[in-house]
Amino acid sequence: MEYLGNVIQGIEKKLLVLVANMRDPDTTWSFKEQYRGYRETIMDFAVWTKQNGGVGVSSK
């Protein structure tokens, strides 16, 4: 569960950076790079969730 918390914190930080970059025209060029990293984090989380039998998902 500690890993899960770290993943969620990482996603939150990346989202905050994304929003900040969207508001700042000088960093718009790096937006795609930020988004790619964010998407990779989501995919890593999805894989980890699958390997660990799901998080908060009932087996019904």
C-alpha atoms as a PDB file:
ATOM      1  CA  MET A   1       0.000   0.000   0.000  1.00  0.00           C
ATOM      2  CA  GLU A   2       2.930   2.345   0.588  1.00  0.00           C
ATOM      3  CA  TYR A   3       3.887   1.933  -3.087  1.00  0.00           C
ATOM      4  CA  LEU A   4       0.357   2.879  -4.075  1.00  0.00           C
ATOM      5  CA  GLY A   5       0.560   6.077  -2.023  1.00  0.00           C
ATOM      6  CA  ASN A   6       3.869   7.005  -3.664  1.00  0.00           C
ATOM      7  CA  VAL A   7       2.406   6.423  -7.141  1.00  0.00           C
ATOM      8  CA  ILE A   8      -0.615   8.602  -6.381  1.00  0.00           C
ATOM      9  CA  GLN A   9       1.608  11.368  -4.954  1.00  0.00           C
ATOM     10  CA  GLY A  10       3.776  11.182  -8.068  1.00  0.00           C
ATOM     11  CA  ILE A  11       0.718  11.519 -10.297  1.00  0.00           C
ATOM     12  CA  GLU A  12      -0.555  14.486  -8.284  1.00  0.00           C
ATOM     13  CA  LYS A  13       2.817  16.260  -8.564  1.00  0.00           C
ATOM     14  CA  LYS A  14       2.943  15.663 -12.321  1.00  0.00           C
ATOM     15  CA  LEU A  15      -0.609  16.994 -12.682  1.00  0.00           C
ATOM     16  CA  LEU A  16       0.313  20.160 -10.776  1.00  0.00           C
ATOM     17  CA  VAL A  17       3.335  20.653 -13.055  1.00  0.00           C
ATOM     18  CA  LEU A  18       1.154  20.052 -16.116  1.00  0.00           C
ATOM     19  CA  VAL A  19      -1.373  22.670 -15.032  1.00  0.00           C
ATOM     20  CA  ALA A  20       1.373  25.167 -14.188  1.00  0.00           C
ATOM     21  CA  ASN A  21       2.987  24.616 -17.584  1.00  0.00           C
ATOM     22  CA  MET A  22      -0.326  25.058 -19.379  1.00  0.00           C
ATOM     23  CA  ARG A  23      -0.690  28.480 -17.763  1.00  0.00           C
ATOM     24  CA  ASP A  24       2.863  29.558 -18.576  1.00  0.00           C
ATOM     25  CA  PRO A  25       3.321  30.203 -22.325  1.00  0.00           C
ATOM     26  CA  ASP A  26       7.112  29.979 -22.019  1.00  0.00           C
ATOM     27  CA  THR A  27       6.965  26.281 -21.093  1.00  0.00           C
ATOM     28  CA  THR A  28       4.253  25.167 -23.520  1.00  0.00           C
ATOM     29  CA  TRP A  29       6.847  23.504 -25.747  1.00  0.00           C
ATOM     30  CA  SER A  30       7.620  20.990 -22.976  1.00  0.00           C
ATOM     31  CA  PHE A  31       3.959  20.158 -22.440  1.00  0.00           C
ATOM     32  CA  LYS A  32       4.125  17.045 -24.646  1.00  0.00           C
ATOM     33  CA  GLU A  33       7.149  15.787 -22.732  1.00  0.00           C
ATOM     34  CA  GLN A  34       5.342  16.296 -19.430  1.00  0.00           C
ATOM     35  CA  TYR A  35       2.250  14.547 -20.746  1.00  0.00           C
ATOM     36  CA  ARG A  36       4.290  11.573 -21.964  1.00  0.00           C
ATOM     37  CA  GLY A  37       5.815  11.143 -18.501  1.00  0.00           C
ATOM     38  CA  TYR A  38       2.377  11.422 -16.916  1.00  0.00           C
ATOM     39  CA  ARG A  39       0.941   8.796 -19.251  1.00  0.00           C
ATOM     40  CA  GLU A  40       3.833   6.426 -18.518  1.00  0.00           C
ATOM     41  CA  THR A  41       3.172   6.788 -14.787  1.00  0.00           C
ATOM     42  CA  ILE A  42      -0.496   5.883 -15.338  1.00  0.00           C
ATOM     43  CA  MET A  43       0.520   2.843 -17.388  1.00  0.00           C
ATOM     44  CA  ASP A  44       3.015   1.719 -14.723  1.00  0.00           C
ATOM     45  CA  PHE A  45       0.257   2.050 -12.134  1.00  0.00           C
ATOM     46  CA  ALA A  46      -2.175   0.063 -14.303  1.00  0.00           C
ATOM     47  CA  VAL A  47       0.368  -2.745 -14.720  1.00  0.00           C
ATOM     48  CA  TRP A  48       1.156  -2.785 -10.996  1.00  0.00           C
ATOM     49  CA  THR A  49      -2.572  -2.859 -10.173  1.00  0.00           C
ATOM     50  CA  LYS A  50      -3.104  -5.799 -12.524  1.00  0.00           C
ATOM     51  CA  GLN A  51      -0.155  -7.721 -11.044  1.00  0.00           C
ATOM     52  CA  ASN A  52      -1.436  -7.160  -7.512  1.00  0.00           C
ATOM     53  CA  GLY A  53      -5.001  -8.275  -8.130  1.00  0.00           C
ATOM     54  CA  GLY A  54      -6.514  -4.826  -8.390  1.00  0.00           C
ATOM     55  CA  VAL A  55      -6.830  -2.043  -5.853  1.00  0.00           C
ATOM     56  CA  GLY A  56     -10.225  -1.514  -4.272  1.00  0.00           C
ATOM     57  CA  VAL A  57     -11.859  -3.758  -6.848  1.00  0.00           C
ATOM     58  CA  SER A  58     -14.274  -6.419  -5.662  1.00  0.00           C
ATOM     59  CA  SER A  59     -13.870  -9.900  -7.152  1.00  0.00           C
ATOM     60  CA  LYS A  60     -17.595 -10.355  -7.825  1.00  0.00           C
END
